[in-house]
């Protein structure tokens, strides 16, 4: 797709080259870039506060699983409220 890419190009130059591509090629490039980032992305470590919150939520669920709502029900409710 980006044949002849020179590693010495700046991001601005690379973007200029990418913008010269057809819309279809730009979309394919965007998807390829997204896939490469997604495959390398690591989740950042949780903060201590986040761990405490998750542990609390898990404890509440384990204490009374019937008190929870299915995800689709929660999402439906959120959509209605927005």
C-alpha atoms as a PDB file:
ATOM      1  CA  UNK A   1       0.000   0.000   0.000  1.00  0.00           C
ATOM      2  CA  UNK A   2       2.678   2.544   0.980  1.00  0.00           C
ATOM      3  CA  UNK A   3       5.352   1.335  -1.380  1.00  0.00           C
ATOM      4  CA  UNK A   4       8.541   3.326  -1.255  1.00  0.00           C
ATOM      5  CA  UNK A   5       7.913   4.617   2.265  1.00  0.00           C
ATOM      6  CA  UNK A   6      10.996   6.409   3.523  1.00  0.00           C
ATOM      7  CA  UNK A   7      11.494   6.008   7.255  1.00  0.00           C
ATOM      8  CA  UNK A   8      12.910   9.531   7.287  1.00  0.00           C
ATOM      9  CA  UNK A   9       9.493  11.028   6.533  1.00  0.00           C
ATOM     10  CA  UNK A  10       7.826  13.160   9.143  1.00  0.00           C
ATOM     11  CA  UNK A  11       4.271  12.401  10.228  1.00  0.00           C
ATOM     12  CA  UNK A  12       3.128  15.472   8.299  1.00  0.00           C
ATOM     13  CA  UNK A  13       4.808  14.206   5.132  1.00  0.00           C
ATOM     14  CA  UNK A  14       3.391  10.740   5.646  1.00  0.00           C
ATOM     15  CA  UNK A  15      -0.072  12.217   6.161  1.00  0.00           C
ATOM     16  CA  UNK A  16       0.324  14.213   2.963  1.00  0.00           C
ATOM     17  CA  UNK A  17       1.215  11.046   1.083  1.00  0.00           C
ATOM     18  CA  UNK A  18      -1.710   9.192   2.669  1.00  0.00           C
ATOM     19  CA  UNK A  19      -4.121  11.994   1.734  1.00  0.00           C
ATOM     20  CA  UNK A  20      -3.039  11.615  -1.890  1.00  0.00           C
ATOM     21  CA  UNK A  21      -4.414   8.056  -1.890  1.00  0.00           C
ATOM     22  CA  UNK A  22      -7.901   7.244  -3.065  1.00  0.00           C
ATOM     23  CA  UNK A  23     -10.595   7.247  -0.399  1.00  0.00           C
ATOM     24  CA  UNK A  24     -10.750   3.455  -0.567  1.00  0.00           C
ATOM     25  CA  UNK A  25      -6.984   3.142  -0.052  1.00  0.00           C
ATOM     26  CA  UNK A  26      -7.092   5.665   2.812  1.00  0.00           C
ATOM     27  CA  UNK A  27      -9.842   3.645   4.475  1.00  0.00           C
ATOM     28  CA  UNK A  28      -7.844   0.431   4.057  1.00  0.00           C
ATOM     29  CA  UNK A  29      -4.777   2.196   5.458  1.00  0.00           C
ATOM     30  CA  UNK A  30      -6.768   3.488   8.430  1.00  0.00           C
ATOM     31  CA  UNK A  31      -8.085   0.007   9.159  1.00  0.00           C
ATOM     32  CA  UNK A  32      -4.597  -1.492   8.829  1.00  0.00           C
ATOM     33  CA  UNK A  33      -3.194   1.134  11.188  1.00  0.00           C
ATOM     34  CA  UNK A  34      -5.997   0.544  13.667  1.00  0.00           C
ATOM     35  CA  UNK A  35      -5.386  -3.207  13.575  1.00  0.00           C
ATOM     36  CA  UNK A  36      -1.664  -2.695  14.184  1.00  0.00           C
ATOM     37  CA  UNK A  37      -2.302  -0.412  17.158  1.00  0.00           C
ATOM     38  CA  UNK A  38      -5.014  -2.635  18.571  1.00  0.00           C
ATOM     39  CA  UNK A  39      -2.794  -5.715  18.398  1.00  0.00           C
ATOM     40  CA  UNK A  40       0.017  -3.912  20.247  1.00  0.00           C
ATOM     41  CA  UNK A  41      -2.140  -2.100  22.765  1.00  0.00           C
ATOM     42  CA  UNK A  42      -1.713  -3.221  26.316  1.00  0.00           C
ATOM     43  CA  UNK A  43      -4.132  -2.234  28.975  1.00  0.00           C
ATOM     44  CA  UNK A  44      -2.564   0.135  31.470  1.00  0.00           C
ATOM     45  CA  UNK A  45      -2.285  -1.207  34.990  1.00  0.00           C
ATOM     46  CA  UNK A  46      -5.225  -0.506  37.264  1.00  0.00           C
ATOM     47  CA  UNK A  47      -4.805   2.054  40.000  1.00  0.00           C
ATOM     48  CA  UNK A  48      -5.241   0.977  43.614  1.00  0.00           C
ATOM     49  CA  UNK A  49      -8.593   2.809  43.701  1.00  0.00           C
ATOM     50  CA  UNK A  50      -9.777   0.921  40.622  1.00  0.00           C
ATOM     51  CA  UNK A  51      -8.783  -2.431  42.146  1.00  0.00           C
ATOM     52  CA  UNK A  52     -10.661  -1.568  45.347  1.00  0.00           C
ATOM     53  CA  UNK A  53     -13.754  -0.552  43.340  1.00  0.00           C
ATOM     54  CA  UNK A  54     -13.677  -3.725  41.235  1.00  0.00           C
ATOM     55  CA  UNK A  55     -13.201  -5.896  44.311  1.00  0.00           C
ATOM     56  CA  UNK A  56     -16.135  -4.156  45.976  1.00  0.00           C
ATOM     57  CA  UNK A  57     -18.358  -4.718  42.955  1.00  0.00           C
ATOM     58  CA  UNK A  58     -17.341  -8.367  42.739  1.00  0.00           C
ATOM     59  CA  UNK A  59     -18.040  -8.870  46.451  1.00  0.00           C
ATOM     60  CA  UNK A  60     -21.492  -7.258  46.035  1.00  0.00           C
ATOM     61  CA  UNK A  61     -22.260  -9.520  43.079  1.00  0.00           C
ATOM     62  CA  UNK A  62     -21.100 -12.661  44.886  1.00  0.00           C
ATOM     63  CA  UNK A  63     -23.192 -11.733  47.924  1.00  0.00           C
ATOM     64  CA  UNK A  64     -26.387 -11.339  45.857  1.00  0.00           C
ATOM     65  CA  UNK A  65     -26.152 -12.284  42.155  1.00  0.00           C
ATOM     66  CA  UNK A  66     -29.908 -11.800  41.709  1.00  0.00           C
ATOM     67  CA  UNK A  67     -29.536  -8.086  42.450  1.00  0.00           C
ATOM     68  CA  UNK A  68     -27.649  -7.506  39.198  1.00  0.00           C
ATOM     69  CA  UNK A  69     -29.080  -6.576  35.813  1.00  0.00           C
ATOM     70  CA  UNK A  70     -28.112  -8.112  32.477  1.00  0.00           C
ATOM     71  CA  UNK A  71     -25.929  -5.848  30.321  1.00  0.00           C
ATOM     72  CA  UNK A  72     -28.566  -5.524  27.582  1.00  0.00           C
ATOM     73  CA  UNK A  73     -31.102  -4.305  30.119  1.00  0.00           C
ATOM     74  CA  UNK A  74     -28.655  -1.714  31.468  1.00  0.00           C
ATOM     75  CA  UNK A  75     -27.816  -0.516  27.945  1.00  0.00           C
ATOM     76  CA  UNK A  76     -31.507  -0.274  27.022  1.00  0.00           C
ATOM     77  CA  UNK A  77     -32.166   1.796  30.134  1.00  0.00           C
ATOM     78  CA  UNK A  78     -29.244   4.105  29.344  1.00  0.00           C
ATOM     79  CA  UNK A  79     -30.476   4.619  25.776  1.00  0.00           C
ATOM     80  CA  UNK A  80     -33.933   5.550  27.056  1.00  0.00           C
ATOM     81  CA  UNK A  81     -32.452   8.054  29.504  1.00  0.00           C
ATOM     82  CA  UNK A  82     -30.286   9.704  26.886  1.00  0.00           C
END
